Amino acid sequence: MTVQVNVYEAKTNLSKLLELVQQGERVIISKNGKPVADLIFHEPNKVIFDGLKGQVHYDEDEFNAADAEIAAMWDPDLEVETFSDPA
């Protein structure tokens, strides 16, 4: 079942409308007779760990070399081994 209310009714009866939503109802809030928002039950996002496992690849040596270059920018006295691009 769907319930449609205007903005004033929604402000006045928000707690009651939220109870309806918790019971599975859908509430449409209208302004000047035109629907502008839906109150629906919140579905939490499902978190998927390792979603890209096996799809993302990187060169660990190159990754670590970038850290050394960045560290050298902050500490000029730091001796850093630089790598040159063979291409």
PDB file of N, CA and C in Angstrom:
ATOM      1  N   MET A   1       0.835  -1.184   0.000  1.00  0.00           N
ATOM      2  CA  MET A   1       0.000   0.000   0.000  1.00  0.00           C
ATOM      3  C   MET A   1       0.877   1.242   0.000  1.00  0.00           C
ATOM      4  N   THR A   2       0.431   2.279  -0.680  1.00  0.00           N
ATOM      5  CA  THR A   2       1.161   3.535  -0.767  1.00  0.00           C
ATOM      6  C   THR A   2       0.326   4.639  -0.136  1.00  0.00           C
ATOM      7  N   VAL A   3       0.991   5.469   0.660  1.00  0.00           N
ATOM      8  CA  VAL A   3       0.346   6.608   1.297  1.00  0.00           C
ATOM      9  C   VAL A   3       0.948   7.869   0.694  1.00  0.00           C
ATOM     10  N   GLN A   4       0.072   8.835   0.314  1.00  0.00           N
ATOM     11  CA  GLN A   4       0.572  10.092  -0.234  1.00  0.00           C
ATOM     12  C   GLN A   4       0.137  11.218   0.695  1.00  0.00           C
ATOM     13  N   VAL A   5       1.110  12.057   1.093  1.00  0.00           N
ATOM     14  CA  VAL A   5       0.833  13.185   1.985  1.00  0.00           C
ATOM     15  C   VAL A   5       1.506  14.435   1.446  1.00  0.00           C
ATOM     16  N   ASN A   6       0.998  15.598   1.867  1.00  0.00           N
ATOM     17  CA  ASN A   6       1.665  16.841   1.470  1.00  0.00           C
ATOM     18  C   ASN A   6       2.759  17.158   2.486  1.00  0.00           C
ATOM     19  N   VAL A   7       3.545  18.174   2.204  1.00  0.00           N
ATOM     20  CA  VAL A   7       4.700  18.509   3.046  1.00  0.00           C
ATOM     21  C   VAL A   7       4.263  18.824   4.476  1.00  0.00           C
ATOM     22  N   TYR A   8       3.191  19.595   4.637  1.00  0.00           N
ATOM     23  CA  TYR A   8       2.731  19.956   5.975  1.00  0.00           C
ATOM     24  C   TYR A   8       2.346  18.705   6.768  1.00  0.00           C
ATOM     25  N   GLU A   9       1.601  17.807   6.135  1.00  0.00           N
ATOM     26  CA  GLU A   9       1.210  16.563   6.813  1.00  0.00           C
ATOM     27  C   GLU A   9       2.436  15.726   7.166  1.00  0.00           C
ATOM     28  N   ALA A  10       3.423  15.720   6.286  1.00  0.00           N
ATOM     29  CA  ALA A  10       4.643  14.950   6.547  1.00  0.00           C
ATOM     30  C   ALA A  10       5.379  15.519   7.752  1.00  0.00           C
ATOM     31  N   LYS A  11       5.485  16.846   7.839  1.00  0.00           N
ATOM     32  CA  LYS A  11       6.158  17.468   8.988  1.00  0.00           C
ATOM     33  C   LYS A  11       5.388  17.184  10.272  1.00  0.00           C
ATOM     34  N   THR A  12       4.083  17.281  10.201  1.00  0.00           N
ATOM     35  CA  THR A  12       3.248  17.118  11.384  1.00  0.00           C
ATOM     36  C   THR A  12       3.227  15.670  11.876  1.00  0.00           C
ATOM     37  N   ASN A  13       3.269  14.717  10.945  1.00  0.00           N
ATOM     38  CA  ASN A  13       3.087  13.305  11.291  1.00  0.00           C
ATOM     39  C   ASN A  13       4.300  12.438  10.974  1.00  0.00           C
ATOM     40  N   LEU A  14       5.489  13.016  11.023  1.00  0.00           N
ATOM     41  CA  LEU A  14       6.681  12.271  10.610  1.00  0.00           C
ATOM     42  C   LEU A  14       6.848  10.970  11.386  1.00  0.00           C
ATOM     43  N   SER A  15       6.673  10.996  12.685  1.00  0.00           N
ATOM     44  CA  SER A  15       6.841   9.774  13.483  1.00  0.00           C
ATOM     45  C   SER A  15       5.876   8.687  13.034  1.00  0.00           C
ATOM     46  N   LYS A  16       4.615   9.061  12.795  1.00  0.00           N
ATOM     47  CA  LYS A  16       3.614   8.080  12.346  1.00  0.00           C
ATOM     48  C   LYS A  16       3.958   7.540  10.962  1.00  0.00           C
ATOM     49  N   LEU A  17       4.443   8.440  10.085  1.00  0.00           N
ATOM     50  CA  LEU A  17       4.810   8.015   8.739  1.00  0.00           C
ATOM     51  C   LEU A  17       5.995   7.051   8.779  1.00  0.00           C
ATOM     52  N   LEU A  18       6.962   7.315   9.672  1.00  0.00           N
ATOM     53  CA  LEU A  18       8.101   6.410   9.797  1.00  0.00           C
ATOM     54  C   LEU A  18       7.668   5.044  10.313  1.00  0.00           C
ATOM     55  N   GLU A  19       6.676   5.018  11.183  1.00  0.00           N
ATOM     56  CA  GLU A  19       6.141   3.732  11.647  1.00  0.00           C
ATOM     57  C   GLU A  19       5.523   2.962  10.487  1.00  0.00           C
ATOM     58  N   LEU A  20       4.802   3.676   9.609  1.00  0.00           N
ATOM     59  CA  LEU A  20       4.226   3.019   8.430  1.00  0.00           C
ATOM     60  C   LEU A  20       5.325   2.429   7.546  1.00  0.00           C
ATOM     61  N   VAL A  21       6.390   3.207   7.366  1.00  0.00           N
ATOM     62  CA  VAL A  21       7.508   2.729   6.538  1.00  0.00           C
ATOM     63  C   VAL A  21       8.116   1.476   7.154  1.00  0.00           C
ATOM     64  N   GLN A  22       8.269   1.457   8.478  1.00  0.00           N
ATOM     65  CA  GLN A  22       8.827   0.278   9.141  1.00  0.00           C
ATOM     66  C   GLN A  22       7.923  -0.939   8.967  1.00  0.00           C
ATOM     67  N   GLN A  23       6.635  -0.711   8.758  1.00  0.00           N
ATOM     68  CA  GLN A  23       5.692  -1.803   8.548  1.00  0.00           C
ATOM     69  C   GLN A  23       5.630  -2.227   7.079  1.00  0.00           C
ATOM     70  N   GLY A  24       6.447  -1.583   6.239  1.00  0.00           N
ATOM     71  CA  GLY A  24       6.512  -1.975   4.832  1.00  0.00           C
ATOM     72  C   GLY A  24       5.753  -1.079   3.885  1.00  0.00           C
ATOM     73  N   GLU A  25       5.140  -0.019   4.393  1.00  0.00           N
ATOM     74  CA  GLU A  25       4.406   0.907   3.528  1.00  0.00           C
ATOM     75  C   GLU A  25       5.375   1.841   2.812  1.00  0.00           C
ATOM     76  N   ARG A  26       4.935   2.367   1.708  1.00  0.00           N
ATOM     77  CA  ARG A  26       5.695   3.378   0.974  1.00  0.00           C
ATOM     78  C   ARG A  26       4.951   4.696   1.143  1.00  0.00           C
ATOM     79  N   VAL A  27       5.664   5.762   1.485  1.00  0.00           N
ATOM     80  CA  VAL A  27       5.050   7.067   1.703  1.00  0.00           C
ATOM     81  C   VAL A  27       5.609   8.037   0.667  1.00  0.00           C
ATOM     82  N   ILE A  28       4.710   8.683  -0.055  1.00  0.00           N
ATOM     83  CA  ILE A  28       5.102   9.675  -1.053  1.00  0.00           C
ATOM     84  C   ILE A  28       4.772  11.047  -0.488  1.00  0.00           C
ATOM     85  N   ILE A  29       5.757  11.948  -0.495  1.00  0.00           N
ATOM     86  CA  ILE A  29       5.550  13.314  -0.036  1.00  0.00           C
ATOM     87  C   ILE A  29       5.417  14.211  -1.258  1.00  0.00           C
ATOM     88  N   SER A  30       4.318  14.981  -1.283  1.00  0.00           N
ATOM     89  CA  SER A  30       4.024  15.840  -2.431  1.00  0.00           C
ATOM     90  C   SER A  30       4.089  17.302  -2.040  1.00  0.00           C
ATOM     91  N   LYS A  31       4.433  18.110  -3.028  1.00  0.00           N
ATOM     92  CA  LYS A  31       4.440  19.563  -2.855  1.00  0.00           C
ATOM     93  C   LYS A  31       3.608  20.139  -3.987  1.00  0.00           C
ATOM     94  N   ASN A  32       2.587  20.897  -3.634  1.00  0.00           N
ATOM     95  CA  ASN A  32       1.654  21.439  -4.625  1.00  0.00           C
ATOM     96  C   ASN A  32       1.043  20.335  -5.484  1.00  0.00           C
ATOM     97  N   GLY A  33       0.772  19.195  -4.856  1.00  0.00           N
ATOM     98  CA  GLY A  33       0.120  18.087  -5.558  1.00  0.00           C
ATOM     99  C   GLY A  33       1.041  17.235  -6.416  1.00  0.00           C
ATOM    100  N   LYS A  34       2.330  17.561  -6.461  1.00  0.00           N
ATOM    101  CA  LYS A  34       3.275  16.792  -7.279  1.00  0.00           C
ATOM    102  C   LYS A  34       4.235  16.031  -6.367  1.00  0.00           C
ATOM    103  N   PRO A  35       4.396  14.729  -6.588  1.00  0.00           N
ATOM    104  CA  PRO A  35       5.316  13.934  -5.762  1.00  0.00           C
ATOM    105  C   PRO A  35       6.754  14.446  -5.891  1.00  0.00           C
ATOM    106  N   VAL A  36       7.427  14.619  -4.732  1.00  0.00           N
ATOM    107  CA  VAL A  36       8.814  15.075  -4.752  1.00  0.00           C
ATOM    108  C   VAL A  36       9.756  14.146  -3.988  1.00  0.00           C
ATOM    109  N   ALA A  37       9.208  13.303  -3.102  1.00  0.00           N
ATOM    110  CA  ALA A  37      10.088  12.428  -2.325  1.00  0.00           C
ATOM    111  C   ALA A  37       9.335  11.172  -1.900  1.00  0.00           C
ATOM    112  N   ASP A  38      10.100  10.100  -1.729  1.00  0.00           N
ATOM    113  CA  ASP A  38       9.557   8.845  -1.230  1.00  0.00           C
ATOM    114  C   ASP A  38      10.211   8.513   0.097  1.00  0.00           C
ATOM    115  N   LEU A  39       9.414   8.082   1.052  1.00  0.00           N
ATOM    116  CA  LEU A  39       9.950   7.515   2.280  1.00  0.00           C
ATOM    117  C   LEU A  39       9.884   6.009   2.114  1.00  0.00           C
ATOM    118  N   ILE A  40      11.024   5.378   2.147  1.00  0.00           N
ATOM    119  CA  ILE A  40      11.078   3.926   2.010  1.00  0.00           C
ATOM    120  C   ILE A  40      11.984   3.370   3.096  1.00  0.00           C
ATOM    121  N   PHE A  41      11.835   2.104   3.376  1.00  0.00           N
ATOM    122  CA  PHE A  41      12.642   1.463   4.395  1.00  0.00           C
ATOM    123  C   PHE A  41      14.108   1.469   3.964  1.00  0.00           C
ATOM    124  N   HIS A  42      14.979   1.792   4.908  1.00  0.00           N
ATOM    125  CA  HIS A  42      16.414   1.866   4.615  1.00  0.00           C
ATOM    126  C   HIS A  42      17.012   0.462   4.513  1.00  0.00           C
ATOM    127  N   GLU A  43      17.667   0.203   3.401  1.00  0.00           N
ATOM    128  CA  GLU A  43      18.381  -1.060   3.198  1.00  0.00           C
ATOM    129  C   GLU A  43      19.873  -0.755   3.285  1.00  0.00           C
ATOM    130  N   PRO A  44      20.563  -1.270   4.308  1.00  0.00           N
ATOM    131  CA  PRO A  44      21.997  -0.987   4.414  1.00  0.00           C
ATOM    132  C   PRO A  44      22.761  -1.569   3.230  1.00  0.00           C
ATOM    133  N   ASN A  45      23.814  -0.867   2.833  1.00  0.00           N
ATOM    134  CA  ASN A  45      24.664  -1.350   1.743  1.00  0.00           C
ATOM    135  C   ASN A  45      25.416  -2.595   2.197  1.00  0.00           C
ATOM    136  N   LYS A  46      25.504  -3.550   1.317  1.00  0.00           N
ATOM    137  CA  LYS A  46      26.274  -4.744   1.618  1.00  0.00           C
ATOM    138  C   LYS A  46      27.731  -4.477   1.274  1.00  0.00           C
ATOM    139  N   VAL A  47      28.603  -4.692   2.232  1.00  0.00           N
ATOM    140  CA  VAL A  47      30.030  -4.473   2.029  1.00  0.00           C
ATOM    141  C   VAL A  47      30.645  -5.793   1.569  1.00  0.00           C
ATOM    142  N   ILE A  48      31.323  -5.745   0.447  1.00  0.00           N
ATOM    143  CA  ILE A  48      31.971  -6.940  -0.094  1.00  0.00           C
ATOM    144  C   ILE A  48      33.476  -6.740   0.017  1.00  0.00           C
ATOM    145  N   PHE A  49      34.105  -7.558   0.842  1.00  0.00           N
ATOM    146  CA  PHE A  49      35.553  -7.501   0.981  1.00  0.00           C
ATOM    147  C   PHE A  49      36.182  -8.381  -0.092  1.00  0.00           C
ATOM    148  N   ASP A  50      37.341  -7.981  -0.571  1.00  0.00           N
ATOM    149  CA  ASP A  50      38.065  -8.709  -1.619  1.00  0.00           C
ATOM    150  C   ASP A  50      37.272  -8.759  -2.924  1.00  0.00           C
ATOM    151  N   GLY A  51      36.454  -7.729  -3.176  1.00  0.00           N
ATOM    152  CA  GLY A  51      35.636  -7.693  -4.382  1.00  0.00           C
ATOM    153  C   GLY A  51      36.456  -7.657  -5.662  1.00  0.00           C
ATOM    154  N   LEU A  52      37.662  -7.108  -5.602  1.00  0.00           N
ATOM    155  CA  LEU A  52      38.510  -7.028  -6.791  1.00  0.00           C
ATOM    156  C   LEU A  52      39.719  -7.960  -6.689  1.00  0.00           C
ATOM    157  N   LYS A  53      39.654  -8.897  -5.758  1.00  0.00           N
ATOM    158  CA  LYS A  53      40.780  -9.808  -5.569  1.00  0.00           C
ATOM    159  C   LYS A  53      41.087 -10.546  -6.878  1.00  0.00           C
ATOM    160  N   GLY A  54      42.340 -10.506  -7.265  1.00  0.00           N
ATOM    161  CA  GLY A  54      42.758 -11.172  -8.492  1.00  0.00           C
ATOM    162  C   GLY A  54      42.593 -10.316  -9.737  1.00  0.00           C
ATOM    163  N   GLN A  55      41.969  -9.148  -9.601  1.00  0.00           N
ATOM    164  CA  GLN A  55      41.740  -8.287 -10.762  1.00  0.00           C
ATOM    165  C   GLN A  55      42.656  -7.062 -10.770  1.00  0.00           C
ATOM    166  N   VAL A  56      43.217  -6.711  -9.617  1.00  0.00           N
ATOM    167  CA  VAL A  56      44.085  -5.549  -9.522  1.00  0.00           C
ATOM    168  C   VAL A  56      45.515  -6.027  -9.340  1.00  0.00           C
ATOM    169  N   HIS A  57      46.393  -5.565 -10.205  1.00  0.00           N
ATOM    170  CA  HIS A  57      47.789  -5.981 -10.157  1.00  0.00           C
ATOM    171  C   HIS A  57      48.685  -4.747 -10.087  1.00  0.00           C
ATOM    172  N   TYR A  58      49.773  -4.852  -9.364  1.00  0.00           N
ATOM    173  CA  TYR A  58      50.721  -3.748  -9.286  1.00  0.00           C
ATOM    174  C   TYR A  58      52.120  -4.316  -9.095  1.00  0.00           C
ATOM    175  N   ASP A  59      53.100  -3.496  -9.454  1.00  0.00           N
ATOM    176  CA  ASP A  59      54.501  -3.872  -9.309  1.00  0.00           C
ATOM    177  C   ASP A  59      54.966  -3.366  -7.938  1.00  0.00           C
ATOM    178  N   GLU A  60      55.220  -4.258  -7.010  1.00  0.00           N
ATOM    179  CA  GLU A  60      55.564  -3.879  -5.641  1.00  0.00           C
ATOM    180  C   GLU A  60      56.837  -3.032  -5.584  1.00  0.00           C
ATOM    181  N   ASP A  61      57.841  -3.356  -6.407  1.00  0.00           N
ATOM    182  CA  ASP A  61      59.080  -2.569  -6.407  1.00  0.00           C
ATOM    183  C   ASP A  61      58.813  -1.126  -6.831  1.00  0.00           C
ATOM    184  N   GLU A  62      58.014  -0.952  -7.879  1.00  0.00           N
ATOM    185  CA  GLU A  62      57.696   0.392  -8.356  1.00  0.00           C
ATOM    186  C   GLU A  62      56.841   1.140  -7.324  1.00  0.00           C
ATOM    187  N   PHE A  63      55.937   0.426  -6.695  1.00  0.00           N
ATOM    188  CA  PHE A  63      55.090   1.021  -5.666  1.00  0.00           C
ATOM    189  C   PHE A  63      55.930   1.536  -4.505  1.00  0.00           C
ATOM    190  N   ASN A  64      56.886   0.713  -4.045  1.00  0.00           N
ATOM    191  CA  ASN A  64      57.750   1.108  -2.937  1.00  0.00           C
ATOM    192  C   ASN A  64      58.731   2.207  -3.339  1.00  0.00           C
ATOM    193  N   ALA A  65      59.163   2.227  -4.585  1.00  0.00           N
ATOM    194  CA  ALA A  65      60.080   3.267  -5.060  1.00  0.00           C
ATOM    195  C   ALA A  65      59.413   4.632  -4.996  1.00  0.00           C
ATOM    196  N   ALA A  66      58.132   4.680  -5.283  1.00  0.00           N
ATOM    197  CA  ALA A  66      57.414   5.953  -5.212  1.00  0.00           C
ATOM    198  C   ALA A  66      57.420   6.480  -3.784  1.00  0.00           C
ATOM    199  N   ASP A  67      57.307   5.601  -2.795  1.00  0.00           N
ATOM    200  CA  ASP A  67      57.370   6.025  -1.396  1.00  0.00           C
ATOM    201  C   ASP A  67      58.712   6.683  -1.090  1.00  0.00           C
ATOM    202  N   ALA A  68      59.775   6.104  -1.592  1.00  0.00           N
ATOM    203  CA  ALA A  68      61.115   6.657  -1.350  1.00  0.00           C
ATOM    204  C   ALA A  68      61.252   8.031  -1.996  1.00  0.00           C
ATOM    205  N   GLU A  69      60.728   8.205  -3.205  1.00  0.00           N
ATOM    206  CA  GLU A  69      60.802   9.489  -3.885  1.00  0.00           C
ATOM    207  C   GLU A  69      60.024  10.556  -3.121  1.00  0.00           C
ATOM    208  N   ILE A  70      58.870  10.182  -2.598  1.00  0.00           N
ATOM    209  CA  ILE A  70      58.057  11.128  -1.826  1.00  0.00           C
ATOM    210  C   ILE A  70      58.771  11.479  -0.525  1.00  0.00           C
ATOM    211  N   ALA A  71      59.359  10.490   0.139  1.00  0.00           N
ATOM    212  CA  ALA A  71      60.101  10.742   1.379  1.00  0.00           C
ATOM    213  C   ALA A  71      61.254  11.706   1.117  1.00  0.00           C
ATOM    214  N   ALA A  72      61.921  11.577  -0.041  1.00  0.00           N
ATOM    215  CA  ALA A  72      63.041  12.452  -0.379  1.00  0.00           C
ATOM    216  C   ALA A  72      62.580  13.894  -0.583  1.00  0.00           C
ATOM    217  N   MET A  73      61.355  14.082  -1.034  1.00  0.00           N
ATOM    218  CA  MET A  73      60.835  15.441  -1.198  1.00  0.00           C
ATOM    219  C   MET A  73      60.693  16.133   0.155  1.00  0.00           C
ATOM    220  N   TRP A  74      60.395  15.391   1.188  1.00  0.00           N
ATOM    221  CA  TRP A  74      60.204  15.964   2.517  1.00  0.00           C
ATOM    222  C   TRP A  74      61.522  16.076   3.282  1.00  0.00           C
ATOM    223  N   ASP A  75      62.461  15.217   2.954  1.00  0.00           N
ATOM    224  CA  ASP A  75      63.752  15.233   3.651  1.00  0.00           C
ATOM    225  C   ASP A  75      64.858  15.216   2.608  1.00  0.00           C
ATOM    226  N   PRO A  76      65.349  16.395   2.188  1.00  0.00           N
ATOM    227  CA  PRO A  76      66.352  16.473   1.121  1.00  0.00           C
ATOM    228  C   PRO A  76      67.659  15.759   1.466  1.00  0.00           C
ATOM    229  N   ASP A  77      67.967  15.580   2.747  1.00  0.00           N
ATOM    230  CA  ASP A  77      69.207  14.919   3.151  1.00  0.00           C
ATOM    231  C   ASP A  77      69.105  13.396   3.061  1.00  0.00           C
ATOM    232  N   LEU A  78      67.921  12.895   2.826  1.00  0.00           N
ATOM    233  CA  LEU A  78      67.697  11.462   2.739  1.00  0.00           C
ATOM    234  C   LEU A  78      68.279  10.937   1.433  1.00  0.00           C
ATOM    235  N   GLU A  79      69.100   9.905   1.528  1.00  0.00           N
ATOM    236  CA  GLU A  79      69.667   9.314   0.310  1.00  0.00           C
ATOM    237  C   GLU A  79      68.679   8.285  -0.225  1.00  0.00           C
ATOM    238  N   VAL A  80      68.286   8.501  -1.451  1.00  0.00           N
ATOM    239  CA  VAL A  80      67.255   7.653  -2.057  1.00  0.00           C
ATOM    240  C   VAL A  80      67.797   7.080  -3.348  1.00  0.00           C
ATOM    241  N   GLU A  81      67.589   5.807  -3.528  1.00  0.00           N
ATOM    242  CA  GLU A  81      67.966   5.168  -4.776  1.00  0.00           C
ATOM    243  C   GLU A  81      66.894   5.504  -5.803  1.00  0.00           C
ATOM    244  N   THR A  82      67.300   6.080  -6.924  1.00  0.00           N
ATOM    245  CA  THR A  82      66.329   6.452  -7.948  1.00  0.00           C
ATOM    246  C   THR A  82      66.303   5.399  -9.019  1.00  0.00           C
ATOM    247  N   PHE A  83      65.139   5.259  -9.614  1.00  0.00           N
ATOM    248  CA  PHE A  83      64.948   4.288 -10.677  1.00  0.00           C
ATOM    249  C   PHE A  83      64.652   5.043 -11.949  1.00  0.00           C
ATOM    250  N   SER A  84      65.229   4.574 -13.043  1.00  0.00           N
ATOM    251  CA  SER A  84      64.954   5.237 -14.310  1.00  0.00           C
ATOM    252  C   SER A  84      64.063   4.329 -15.153  1.00  0.00           C
ATOM    253  N   ASP A  85      63.243   4.960 -15.963  1.00  0.00           N
ATOM    254  CA  ASP A  85      62.327   4.223 -16.825  1.00  0.00           C
ATOM    255  C   ASP A  85      63.115   3.659 -17.992  1.00  0.00           C
ATOM    256  N   PRO A  86      63.091   2.331 -18.169  1.00  0.00           N
ATOM    257  CA  PRO A  86      63.885   1.727 -19.247  1.00  0.00           C
ATOM    258  C   PRO A  86      63.332   2.040 -20.643  1.00  0.00           C
ATOM    259  N   ALA A  87      62.143   2.546 -20.725  1.00  0.00           N
ATOM    260  CA  ALA A  87      61.534   2.789 -22.042  1.00  0.00           C
ATOM    261  C   ALA A  87      62.030   4.042 -22.682  1.00  0.00           C
TER     262      ALA A  87
END
